């Protein structure tokens, strides 16, 4: 593992999302032991770690699924306390879970607007509570087009008829449509083949290029090094390193994850991504 001392990286950029000293205990088990995380605007931050490192607990705290016992979460520098996933959504944080959380029997548009259905204007909407399916399908088509998901031509198609990669695309489209600040993706390529995994990685890059930062949790090291800007390494319930992907090898990343290697003394986990330095 190597580090560089580029003075440009010391310039101040307010993180879009940060966590400090998060602690979460389940009885006698400490899942998070003072965990930190920093996500800057316009980056893909990969979170990696061995089983039991606290990745899932960290992400659950950031997405509102779990309330930490101690610590602080900030969005654009403002302290937030998420008690439910709806609180995180209200703050602009969307999560794409590994199991996708889709309704298989419903169509693509219905899944994109799941829980946020549009109603028809006037008495038909507020009185009879009729859904505006036409507008939802039009908006879904636009969202899919913006993300380059041109293979999903039939917006009325049931999700259960789609391939694994296409289902992942629907879940990502839903997050991109409503995640105004941050999108968290939990193992998005875990159950996909090579071709479909490549499409999902392209989607992640597309979302980042649209200005929405992404937190990517993955065990697939080649995918991490392909799409991430920085790599956050979690071990024993806390962040032990966060480095530019250009400053670390896959072998070094695995060594840090397992404890076979420790970060150098001059390591700065708050280093600004090279992508932002170049701007």
C-alpha atoms as a PDB file:
ATOM      1  CA  UNK A   1       0.000   0.000   0.000  1.00  0.00           C
ATOM      2  CA  UNK A   2       1.349   3.416  -0.969  1.00  0.00           C
ATOM      3  CA  UNK A   3       0.297   6.936  -0.075  1.00  0.00           C
ATOM      4  CA  UNK A   4       1.067  10.249  -1.698  1.00  0.00           C
ATOM      5  CA  UNK A   5       1.151  13.768  -0.283  1.00  0.00           C
ATOM      6  CA  UNK A   6      -0.602  15.905  -2.866  1.00  0.00           C
ATOM      7  CA  UNK A   7      -1.240  19.372  -1.386  1.00  0.00           C
ATOM      8  CA  UNK A   8      -4.308  19.780  -3.609  1.00  0.00           C
ATOM      9  CA  UNK A   9      -6.050  17.043  -1.679  1.00  0.00           C
ATOM     10  CA  UNK A  10      -6.012  19.105   1.489  1.00  0.00           C
ATOM     11  CA  UNK A  11      -8.553  21.593   0.115  1.00  0.00           C
ATOM     12  CA  UNK A  12     -11.828  21.595   1.965  1.00  0.00           C
ATOM     13  CA  UNK A  13     -14.812  19.806   0.452  1.00  0.00           C
ATOM     14  CA  UNK A  14     -17.858  19.170   2.622  1.00  0.00           C
ATOM     15  CA  UNK A  15     -18.791  15.477   2.563  1.00  0.00           C
ATOM     16  CA  UNK A  16     -22.262  14.737   1.248  1.00  0.00           C
ATOM     17  CA  UNK A  17     -22.599  12.036   3.936  1.00  0.00           C
ATOM     18  CA  UNK A  18     -20.462  11.260   6.960  1.00  0.00           C
ATOM     19  CA  UNK A  19     -20.599   9.060  10.026  1.00  0.00           C
ATOM     20  CA  UNK A  20     -18.501   9.467  13.138  1.00  0.00           C
ATOM     21  CA  UNK A  21     -17.904   7.012  15.982  1.00  0.00           C
ATOM     22  CA  UNK A  22     -20.955   4.860  15.292  1.00  0.00           C
ATOM     23  CA  UNK A  23     -21.511   2.160  17.906  1.00  0.00           C
ATOM     24  CA  UNK A  24     -24.082  -0.605  17.658  1.00  0.00           C
ATOM     25  CA  UNK A  25     -24.399  -3.430  20.158  1.00  0.00           C
ATOM     26  CA  UNK A  26     -26.598  -6.506  20.070  1.00  0.00           C
ATOM     27  CA  UNK A  27     -26.436  -7.780  23.615  1.00  0.00           C
ATOM     28  CA  UNK A  28     -22.834  -8.830  24.255  1.00  0.00           C
ATOM     29  CA  UNK A  29     -21.934  -8.547  20.552  1.00  0.00           C
ATOM     30  CA  UNK A  30     -20.546  -5.232  19.314  1.00  0.00           C
ATOM     31  CA  UNK A  31     -21.266  -4.919  15.599  1.00  0.00           C
ATOM     32  CA  UNK A  32     -19.888  -1.378  15.268  1.00  0.00           C
ATOM     33  CA  UNK A  33     -17.087  -0.191  17.528  1.00  0.00           C
ATOM     34  CA  UNK A  34     -16.650   3.472  16.662  1.00  0.00           C
ATOM     35  CA  UNK A  35     -17.132   3.237  12.896  1.00  0.00           C
ATOM     36  CA  UNK A  36     -16.470   6.198  10.602  1.00  0.00           C
ATOM     37  CA  UNK A  37     -17.382   6.843   6.971  1.00  0.00           C
ATOM     38  CA  UNK A  38     -16.937   9.792   4.641  1.00  0.00           C
ATOM     39  CA  UNK A  39     -18.627  10.117   1.244  1.00  0.00           C
ATOM     40  CA  UNK A  40     -17.747  13.056  -0.988  1.00  0.00           C
ATOM     41  CA  UNK A  41     -19.922  14.451  -3.791  1.00  0.00           C
ATOM     42  CA  UNK A  42     -19.629  12.715  -7.148  1.00  0.00           C
ATOM     43  CA  UNK A  43     -17.713   9.611  -6.076  1.00  0.00           C
ATOM     44  CA  UNK A  44     -18.215   5.870  -5.829  1.00  0.00           C
ATOM     45  CA  UNK A  45     -17.062   4.711  -2.407  1.00  0.00           C
ATOM     46  CA  UNK A  46     -16.608   0.944  -2.125  1.00  0.00           C
ATOM     47  CA  UNK A  47     -17.039  -0.573   1.342  1.00  0.00           C
ATOM     48  CA  UNK A  48     -15.242  -3.894   1.732  1.00  0.00           C
ATOM     49  CA  UNK A  49     -14.507  -6.163   4.662  1.00  0.00           C
ATOM     50  CA  UNK A  50     -14.523  -9.749   5.802  1.00  0.00           C
ATOM     51  CA  UNK A  51     -17.633 -11.413   7.232  1.00  0.00           C
ATOM     52  CA  UNK A  52     -18.414  -9.883  10.621  1.00  0.00           C
ATOM     53  CA  UNK A  53     -16.542  -6.663   9.867  1.00  0.00           C
ATOM     54  CA  UNK A  54     -19.654  -4.566  10.453  1.00  0.00           C
ATOM     55  CA  UNK A  55     -20.413  -3.582   6.853  1.00  0.00           C
ATOM     56  CA  UNK A  56     -24.088  -4.486   7.042  1.00  0.00           C
ATOM     57  CA  UNK A  57     -24.593  -2.751  10.392  1.00  0.00           C
ATOM     58  CA  UNK A  58     -22.871   0.385   9.093  1.00  0.00           C
ATOM     59  CA  UNK A  59     -25.063   0.508   6.002  1.00  0.00           C
ATOM     60  CA  UNK A  60     -28.210  -0.176   8.024  1.00  0.00           C
ATOM     61  CA  UNK A  61     -27.391   2.809  10.224  1.00  0.00           C
ATOM     62  CA  UNK A  62     -26.865   5.031   7.178  1.00  0.00           C
ATOM     63  CA  UNK A  63     -30.100   3.856   5.554  1.00  0.00           C
ATOM     64  CA  UNK A  64     -32.242   4.198   8.688  1.00  0.00           C
ATOM     65  CA  UNK A  65     -32.896   0.469   9.109  1.00  0.00           C
ATOM     66  CA  UNK A  66     -30.967   0.444  12.410  1.00  0.00           C
ATOM     67  CA  UNK A  67     -30.535   3.207  14.991  1.00  0.00           C
ATOM     68  CA  UNK A  68     -26.953   3.358  16.338  1.00  0.00           C
ATOM     69  CA  UNK A  69     -26.416   3.354  20.090  1.00  0.00           C
ATOM     70  CA  UNK A  70     -23.796   6.085  19.827  1.00  0.00           C
ATOM     71  CA  UNK A  71     -22.252   8.331  17.214  1.00  0.00           C
ATOM     72  CA  UNK A  72     -23.369  10.924  14.689  1.00  0.00           C
ATOM     73  CA  UNK A  73     -24.519  10.939  11.064  1.00  0.00           C
ATOM     74  CA  UNK A  74     -24.335  14.110   8.985  1.00  0.00           C
ATOM     75  CA  UNK A  75     -25.838  14.922   5.584  1.00  0.00           C
ATOM     76  CA  UNK A  76     -24.133  17.879   3.891  1.00  0.00           C
ATOM     77  CA  UNK A  77     -22.684  18.835   7.264  1.00  0.00           C
ATOM     78  CA  UNK A  78     -26.050  18.821   9.046  1.00  0.00           C
ATOM     79  CA  UNK A  79     -26.570  16.303  11.885  1.00  0.00           C
ATOM     80  CA  UNK A  80     -29.337  13.804  11.189  1.00  0.00           C
ATOM     81  CA  UNK A  81     -30.924  11.049  13.236  1.00  0.00           C
ATOM     82  CA  UNK A  82     -32.559   8.345  11.171  1.00  0.00           C
ATOM     83  CA  UNK A  83     -35.093   6.303  13.116  1.00  0.00           C
ATOM     84  CA  UNK A  84     -36.643   4.628  10.074  1.00  0.00           C
ATOM     85  CA  UNK A  85     -35.743   4.133   6.383  1.00  0.00           C
ATOM     86  CA  UNK A  86     -38.345   6.812   5.608  1.00  0.00           C
ATOM     87  CA  UNK A  87     -36.205   9.327   7.520  1.00  0.00           C
ATOM     88  CA  UNK A  88     -33.192   8.450   5.371  1.00  0.00           C
ATOM     89  CA  UNK A  89     -35.287   8.678   2.214  1.00  0.00           C
ATOM     90  CA  UNK A  90     -36.507  12.108   3.263  1.00  0.00           C
ATOM     91  CA  UNK A  91     -32.858  13.155   3.513  1.00  0.00           C
ATOM     92  CA  UNK A  92     -32.248  11.951  -0.064  1.00  0.00           C
ATOM     93  CA  UNK A  93     -30.640   8.579   0.734  1.00  0.00           C
ATOM     94  CA  UNK A  94     -31.906   5.589  -1.248  1.00  0.00           C
ATOM     95  CA  UNK A  95     -30.786   1.974  -0.776  1.00  0.00           C
ATOM     96  CA  UNK A  96     -30.756  -0.863  -3.299  1.00  0.00           C
ATOM     97  CA  UNK A  97     -30.748  -4.025  -1.197  1.00  0.00           C
ATOM     98  CA  UNK A  98     -29.252  -7.322  -2.290  1.00  0.00           C
ATOM     99  CA  UNK A  99     -32.722  -8.893  -2.444  1.00  0.00           C
ATOM    100  CA  UNK A 100     -33.893  -5.815  -4.455  1.00  0.00           C
ATOM    101  CA  UNK A 101     -37.220  -5.410  -2.560  1.00  0.00           C
ATOM    102  CA  UNK A 102     -39.295  -5.544  -5.729  1.00  0.00           C
ATOM    103  CA  UNK A 103     -42.899  -6.691  -6.222  1.00  0.00           C
ATOM    104  CA  UNK A 104     -42.435  -9.434  -8.859  1.00  0.00           C
ATOM    105  CA  UNK A 105     -46.071  -9.639 -10.003  1.00  0.00           C
ATOM    106  CA  UNK A 106     -46.331  -5.900 -10.652  1.00  0.00           C
ATOM    107  CA  UNK A 107     -45.058  -4.088 -13.724  1.00  0.00           C
ATOM    108  CA  UNK A 108     -41.901  -2.019 -14.074  1.00  0.00           C
ATOM    109  CA  UNK A 109     -43.568   1.363 -13.600  1.00  0.00           C
ATOM    110  CA  UNK A 110     -45.432   0.158 -10.503  1.00  0.00           C
ATOM    111  CA  UNK A 111     -42.127  -0.986  -8.989  1.00  0.00           C
ATOM    112  CA  UNK A 112     -40.311   2.249  -9.763  1.00  0.00           C
ATOM    113  CA  UNK A 113     -43.078   4.209  -7.995  1.00  0.00           C
ATOM    114  CA  UNK A 114     -43.636   1.599  -5.279  1.00  0.00           C
ATOM    115  CA  UNK A 115     -44.680   3.467  -2.136  1.00  0.00           C
ATOM    116  CA  UNK A 116     -44.667   6.775  -4.059  1.00  0.00           C
ATOM    117  CA  UNK A 117     -47.572   6.188  -6.413  1.00  0.00           C
ATOM    118  CA  UNK A 118     -48.922   9.198  -8.287  1.00  0.00           C
ATOM    119  CA  UNK A 119     -52.644   9.881  -8.144  1.00  0.00           C
ATOM    120  CA  UNK A 120     -54.749  11.442 -10.835  1.00  0.00           C
ATOM    121  CA  UNK A 121     -55.366  15.170 -10.468  1.00  0.00           C
ATOM    122  CA  UNK A 122     -58.629  16.457  -9.096  1.00  0.00           C
ATOM    123  CA  UNK A 123     -61.441  14.464  -7.477  1.00  0.00           C
ATOM    124  CA  UNK A 124     -60.394  11.225  -9.181  1.00  0.00           C
ATOM    125  CA  UNK A 125     -57.148  11.355  -7.237  1.00  0.00           C
ATOM    126  CA  UNK A 126     -57.955  12.828  -3.853  1.00  0.00           C
ATOM    127  CA  UNK A 127     -61.534  11.571  -3.801  1.00  0.00           C
ATOM    128  CA  UNK A 128     -61.549   8.180  -5.507  1.00  0.00           C
ATOM    129  CA  UNK A 129     -57.788   7.699  -4.968  1.00  0.00           C
ATOM    130  CA  UNK A 130     -57.234   6.556  -8.546  1.00  0.00           C
ATOM    131  CA  UNK A 131     -53.639   6.094  -9.669  1.00  0.00           C
ATOM    132  CA  UNK A 132     -52.205   8.052 -12.585  1.00  0.00           C
ATOM    133  CA  UNK A 133     -50.719   5.010 -14.336  1.00  0.00           C
ATOM    134  CA  UNK A 134     -50.133   6.861 -17.606  1.00  0.00           C
ATOM    135  CA  UNK A 135     -47.928   9.505 -15.989  1.00  0.00           C
ATOM    136  CA  UNK A 136     -46.042   6.903 -13.952  1.00  0.00           C
ATOM    137  CA  UNK A 137     -45.282   4.892 -17.092  1.00  0.00           C
ATOM    138  CA  UNK A 138     -44.165   8.016 -18.946  1.00  0.00           C
ATOM    139  CA  UNK A 139     -41.885   9.030 -16.083  1.00  0.00           C
ATOM    140  CA  UNK A 140     -40.518   5.487 -15.804  1.00  0.00           C
ATOM    141  CA  UNK A 141     -39.706   5.406 -19.513  1.00  0.00           C
ATOM    142  CA  UNK A 142     -37.812   8.689 -19.150  1.00  0.00           C
ATOM    143  CA  UNK A 143     -35.866   7.430 -16.119  1.00  0.00           C
ATOM    144  CA  UNK A 144     -34.907   4.197 -17.857  1.00  0.00           C
ATOM    145  CA  UNK A 145     -33.905   6.109 -20.976  1.00  0.00           C
ATOM    146  CA  UNK A 146     -31.687   8.472 -18.999  1.00  0.00           C
ATOM    147  CA  UNK A 147     -29.922   5.475 -17.447  1.00  0.00           C
ATOM    148  CA  UNK A 148     -29.466   3.741 -20.787  1.00  0.00           C
ATOM    149  CA  UNK A 149     -31.803   0.841 -19.958  1.00  0.00           C
ATOM    150  CA  UNK A 150     -33.147   0.689 -23.492  1.00  0.00           C
ATOM    151  CA  UNK A 151     -33.698  -3.071 -23.370  1.00  0.00           C
ATOM    152  CA  UNK A 152     -36.697  -2.555 -21.096  1.00  0.00           C
ATOM    153  CA  UNK A 153     -39.085  -1.452 -23.816  1.00  0.00           C
ATOM    154  CA  UNK A 154     -42.366  -2.648 -22.285  1.00  0.00           C
ATOM    155  CA  UNK A 155     -42.959  -0.596 -19.158  1.00  0.00           C
ATOM    156  CA  UNK A 156     -46.080  -2.678 -18.475  1.00  0.00           C
ATOM    157  CA  UNK A 157     -44.070  -5.894 -18.288  1.00  0.00           C
ATOM    158  CA  UNK A 158     -44.195  -7.787 -14.982  1.00  0.00           C
ATOM    159  CA  UNK A 159     -40.884  -7.715 -13.109  1.00  0.00           C
ATOM    160  CA  UNK A 160     -40.992 -11.484 -12.583  1.00  0.00           C
ATOM    161  CA  UNK A 161     -40.502 -11.941 -16.344  1.00  0.00           C
ATOM    162  CA  UNK A 162     -37.218  -9.974 -16.347  1.00  0.00           C
ATOM    163  CA  UNK A 163     -33.693 -11.328 -16.102  1.00  0.00           C
ATOM    164  CA  UNK A 164     -31.620 -10.809 -12.950  1.00  0.00           C
ATOM    165  CA  UNK A 165     -29.712  -7.928 -14.485  1.00  0.00           C
ATOM    166  CA  UNK A 166     -32.904  -6.250 -15.678  1.00  0.00           C
ATOM    167  CA  UNK A 167     -34.445  -6.555 -12.224  1.00  0.00           C
ATOM    168  CA  UNK A 168     -31.331  -4.963 -10.777  1.00  0.00           C
ATOM    169  CA  UNK A 169     -31.758  -2.192 -13.335  1.00  0.00           C
ATOM    170  CA  UNK A 170     -35.320  -1.543 -12.168  1.00  0.00           C
ATOM    171  CA  UNK A 171     -34.178  -1.328  -8.545  1.00  0.00           C
ATOM    172  CA  UNK A 172     -31.360   1.037  -9.511  1.00  0.00           C
ATOM    173  CA  UNK A 173     -33.729   3.158 -11.598  1.00  0.00           C
ATOM    174  CA  UNK A 174     -36.059   3.521  -8.609  1.00  0.00           C
ATOM    175  CA  UNK A 175     -33.165   4.611  -6.400  1.00  0.00           C
ATOM    176  CA  UNK A 176     -31.822   7.011  -9.020  1.00  0.00           C
ATOM    177  CA  UNK A 177     -35.267   8.548  -9.501  1.00  0.00           C
ATOM    178  CA  UNK A 178     -35.701   9.445  -5.836  1.00  0.00           C
ATOM    179  CA  UNK A 179     -32.176   9.381  -4.360  1.00  0.00           C
ATOM    180  CA  UNK A 180     -31.387  13.071  -4.613  1.00  0.00           C
ATOM    181  CA  UNK A 181     -28.182  12.899  -2.562  1.00  0.00           C
ATOM    182  CA  UNK A 182     -26.860   9.354  -2.018  1.00  0.00           C
ATOM    183  CA  UNK A 183     -27.489   5.859  -3.368  1.00  0.00           C
ATOM    184  CA  UNK A 184     -26.353   2.837  -1.342  1.00  0.00           C
ATOM    185  CA  UNK A 185     -25.973  -0.450  -3.247  1.00  0.00           C
ATOM    186  CA  UNK A 186     -25.611  -3.711  -1.335  1.00  0.00           C
ATOM    187  CA  UNK A 187     -23.881  -6.482  -3.339  1.00  0.00           C
ATOM    188  CA  UNK A 188     -25.571  -5.473  -6.633  1.00  0.00           C
ATOM    189  CA  UNK A 189     -23.724  -8.078  -8.743  1.00  0.00           C
ATOM    190  CA  UNK A 190     -23.717 -10.989  -6.280  1.00  0.00           C
ATOM    191  CA  UNK A 191     -26.202 -13.160  -8.186  1.00  0.00           C
ATOM    192  CA  UNK A 192     -25.470 -11.983 -11.730  1.00  0.00           C
ATOM    193  CA  UNK A 193     -23.449 -13.361 -14.610  1.00  0.00           C
ATOM    194  CA  UNK A 194     -20.529 -11.610 -16.282  1.00  0.00           C
ATOM    195  CA  UNK A 195     -22.567  -9.782 -18.927  1.00  0.00           C
ATOM    196  CA  UNK A 196     -25.276  -8.582 -16.563  1.00  0.00           C
ATOM    197  CA  UNK A 197     -22.710  -7.582 -13.931  1.00  0.00           C
ATOM    198  CA  UNK A 198     -21.015  -5.372 -16.511  1.00  0.00           C
ATOM    199  CA  UNK A 199     -24.334  -3.629 -17.192  1.00  0.00           C
ATOM    200  CA  UNK A 200     -24.848  -2.948 -13.495  1.00  0.00           C
ATOM    201  CA  UNK A 201     -21.325  -1.524 -13.156  1.00  0.00           C
ATOM    202  CA  UNK A 202     -22.052   0.750 -16.104  1.00  0.00           C
ATOM    203  CA  UNK A 203     -25.225   1.868 -14.330  1.00  0.00           C
ATOM    204  CA  UNK A 204     -23.230   2.753 -11.225  1.00  0.00           C
ATOM    205  CA  UNK A 205     -20.811   4.820 -13.298  1.00  0.00           C
ATOM    206  CA  UNK A 206     -23.749   6.505 -15.045  1.00  0.00           C
ATOM    207  CA  UNK A 207     -25.318   7.462 -11.716  1.00  0.00           C
ATOM    208  CA  UNK A 208     -22.014   8.889 -10.476  1.00  0.00           C
ATOM    209  CA  UNK A 209     -21.575  10.864 -13.693  1.00  0.00           C
ATOM    210  CA  UNK A 210     -25.033  12.345 -13.118  1.00  0.00           C
ATOM    211  CA  UNK A 211     -23.675  13.775  -9.868  1.00  0.00           C
ATOM    212  CA  UNK A 212     -25.147  11.307  -7.366  1.00  0.00           C
ATOM    213  CA  UNK A 213     -22.503   9.665  -5.141  1.00  0.00           C
ATOM    214  CA  UNK A 214     -22.746   5.916  -4.593  1.00  0.00           C
ATOM    215  CA  UNK A 215     -21.761   3.683  -1.680  1.00  0.00           C
ATOM    216  CA  UNK A 216     -21.029   0.220  -3.078  1.00  0.00           C
ATOM    217  CA  UNK A 217     -20.823  -2.791  -0.763  1.00  0.00           C
ATOM    218  CA  UNK A 218     -19.210  -5.714  -2.556  1.00  0.00           C
ATOM    219  CA  UNK A 219     -17.104  -8.832  -2.082  1.00  0.00           C
ATOM    220  CA  UNK A 220     -16.114  -8.837  -5.752  1.00  0.00           C
ATOM    221  CA  UNK A 221     -12.695  -7.194  -5.761  1.00  0.00           C
ATOM    222  CA  UNK A 222     -12.366  -6.830  -9.576  1.00  0.00           C
ATOM    223  CA  UNK A 223     -15.708  -5.007  -9.630  1.00  0.00           C
ATOM    224  CA  UNK A 224     -14.612  -2.794  -6.747  1.00  0.00           C
ATOM    225  CA  UNK A 225     -11.401  -1.804  -8.500  1.00  0.00           C
ATOM    226  CA  UNK A 226     -13.224  -1.246 -11.781  1.00  0.00           C
ATOM    227  CA  UNK A 227     -15.828   1.235 -10.623  1.00  0.00           C
ATOM    228  CA  UNK A 228     -14.789   2.706  -7.235  1.00  0.00           C
ATOM    229  CA  UNK A 229     -12.942   5.983  -6.693  1.00  0.00           C
ATOM    230  CA  UNK A 230     -11.978   5.196  -3.091  1.00  0.00           C
ATOM    231  CA  UNK A 231     -12.033   1.989  -1.084  1.00  0.00           C
ATOM    232  CA  UNK A 232     -13.244   1.984   2.534  1.00  0.00           C
ATOM    233  CA  UNK A 233     -11.901  -1.045   4.416  1.00  0.00           C
ATOM    234  CA  UNK A 234     -13.896  -2.228   7.416  1.00  0.00           C
ATOM    235  CA  UNK A 235     -12.509  -4.563  10.072  1.00  0.00           C
ATOM    236  CA  UNK A 236     -13.768  -5.568  13.517  1.00  0.00           C
ATOM    237  CA  UNK A 237     -16.526  -2.980  13.532  1.00  0.00           C
ATOM    238  CA  UNK A 238     -14.567   0.064  12.420  1.00  0.00           C
ATOM    239  CA  UNK A 239     -12.868   1.692   9.452  1.00  0.00           C
ATOM    240  CA  UNK A 240      -9.193   0.834   9.404  1.00  0.00           C
ATOM    241  CA  UNK A 241      -8.375   2.473   6.058  1.00  0.00           C
ATOM    242  CA  UNK A 242      -9.865   4.429   3.171  1.00  0.00           C
ATOM    243  CA  UNK A 243      -7.648   4.831   0.124  1.00  0.00           C
ATOM    244  CA  UNK A 244      -7.672   5.785  -3.524  1.00  0.00           C
ATOM    245  CA  UNK A 245      -7.967   2.648  -5.640  1.00  0.00           C
ATOM    246  CA  UNK A 246      -4.855   3.781  -7.530  1.00  0.00           C
ATOM    247  CA  UNK A 247      -2.828   3.599  -4.310  1.00  0.00           C
ATOM    248  CA  UNK A 248      -3.579   0.012  -3.369  1.00  0.00           C
ATOM    249  CA  UNK A 249      -3.494  -3.429  -4.946  1.00  0.00           C
ATOM    250  CA  UNK A 250      -6.095  -6.144  -4.553  1.00  0.00           C
ATOM    251  CA  UNK A 251      -3.623  -8.189  -2.504  1.00  0.00           C
ATOM    252  CA  UNK A 252      -3.008  -5.244  -0.176  1.00  0.00           C
ATOM    253  CA  UNK A 253      -6.759  -4.691   0.199  1.00  0.00           C
ATOM    254  CA  UNK A 254      -7.266  -8.321   1.203  1.00  0.00           C
ATOM    255  CA  UNK A 255      -4.309  -8.126   3.607  1.00  0.00           C
ATOM    256  CA  UNK A 256      -5.831  -5.075   5.294  1.00  0.00           C
ATOM    257  CA  UNK A 257      -9.225  -6.772   5.510  1.00  0.00           C
ATOM    258  CA  UNK A 258      -7.781  -9.828   7.212  1.00  0.00           C
ATOM    259  CA  UNK A 259      -5.369  -7.973   9.496  1.00  0.00           C
ATOM    260  CA  UNK A 260      -2.245  -9.332   7.824  1.00  0.00           C
ATOM    261  CA  UNK A 261      -1.235  -5.757   7.005  1.00  0.00           C
ATOM    262  CA  UNK A 262      -1.765  -2.418   8.753  1.00  0.00           C
ATOM    263  CA  UNK A 263      -2.071   1.015   7.104  1.00  0.00           C
ATOM    264  CA  UNK A 264       1.053   3.208   7.107  1.00  0.00           C
ATOM    265  CA  UNK A 265       1.350   5.752   9.917  1.00  0.00           C
ATOM    266  CA  UNK A 266       0.820   8.698   7.556  1.00  0.00           C
ATOM    267  CA  UNK A 267      -2.411   7.225   6.156  1.00  0.00           C
ATOM    268  CA  UNK A 268      -5.268   9.757   5.966  1.00  0.00           C
ATOM    269  CA  UNK A 269      -8.709   8.109   5.600  1.00  0.00           C
ATOM    270  CA  UNK A 270     -10.294  11.487   4.804  1.00  0.00           C
ATOM    271  CA  UNK A 271      -8.278  11.945   1.597  1.00  0.00           C
ATOM    272  CA  UNK A 272     -10.309  13.703  -1.089  1.00  0.00           C
ATOM    273  CA  UNK A 273     -10.983  11.547  -4.178  1.00  0.00           C
ATOM    274  CA  UNK A 274      -8.701  12.158  -7.127  1.00  0.00           C
ATOM    275  CA  UNK A 275     -11.784  12.752  -9.269  1.00  0.00           C
ATOM    276  CA  UNK A 276     -12.582  15.879  -7.213  1.00  0.00           C
ATOM    277  CA  UNK A 277      -8.973  17.035  -7.069  1.00  0.00           C
ATOM    278  CA  UNK A 278      -8.806  17.090 -10.857  1.00  0.00           C
ATOM    279  CA  UNK A 279     -11.956  19.215 -11.162  1.00  0.00           C
END
